[in-house]
């Protein structure tokens, strides 16, 4: 895709996102002090926001980004368009949060969030990319976390990040985005599932493999990888 086509796509994507009322973009919003917090939300738009320190009480520290699937939290597993939840120390003390997502060339502010004891939850409606995220509140900002979502159409595997498998035996995984075109991949070995639904998939572990991780793939994208701790 050409650079011009990429810019056109981002422009159309941002317009669509803004129409939802949940995300606004640096392509349209003013940020006088260039601190990624747009002037409409920034209580001091001409002075860069300061990062919270241990002297600030209550102490607030982001620690994790998770996918939120019907209130089931999956650490580090989320796609473009999914609900995600930020958790950490003291996060329930933030009363009027603005989630700020940015990279080297663009930034997004999310005001439409659900905030409570379980964290800050919002719809991840940004283009595909690698970002950082922080939360702004009352003229202060939290630490950054890295944000790297999977593609919108990617399947995801839930549960433990490592498993013990028995060669030649059936193994079942849970997740989301599975379909009849989904295959399980052990390196160069591609396996058709024995049973599959949108949120569950069973397959026979190949007898000839010693590959130390596997993933699933549909026609559009691949999932997160699961580490094989040991084969029996």
Foldseek 3Di string as FASTA:
>chain_A
DDPVVVVVVQVVLQVVVVVVVFKHKPVPFDQQCPQQDGPVRAPCSVDHFAADDPVDPPDWAWDFKFFQDVNDTFTPAAAQFTKIFIDTPPQLVADQKWKWKDDDPMIMIGRPWDGHPRGIIDTRRHDADKIWMWIDGDRYIYDIDIDHHDYPQEWEWGDDLEDEEEAQDKDKTFTANDDQQKWKDQDPDTWGFPDDDGTMTMTHHHNPDPRQWMWMGGPPGIYDIHGYPYYD
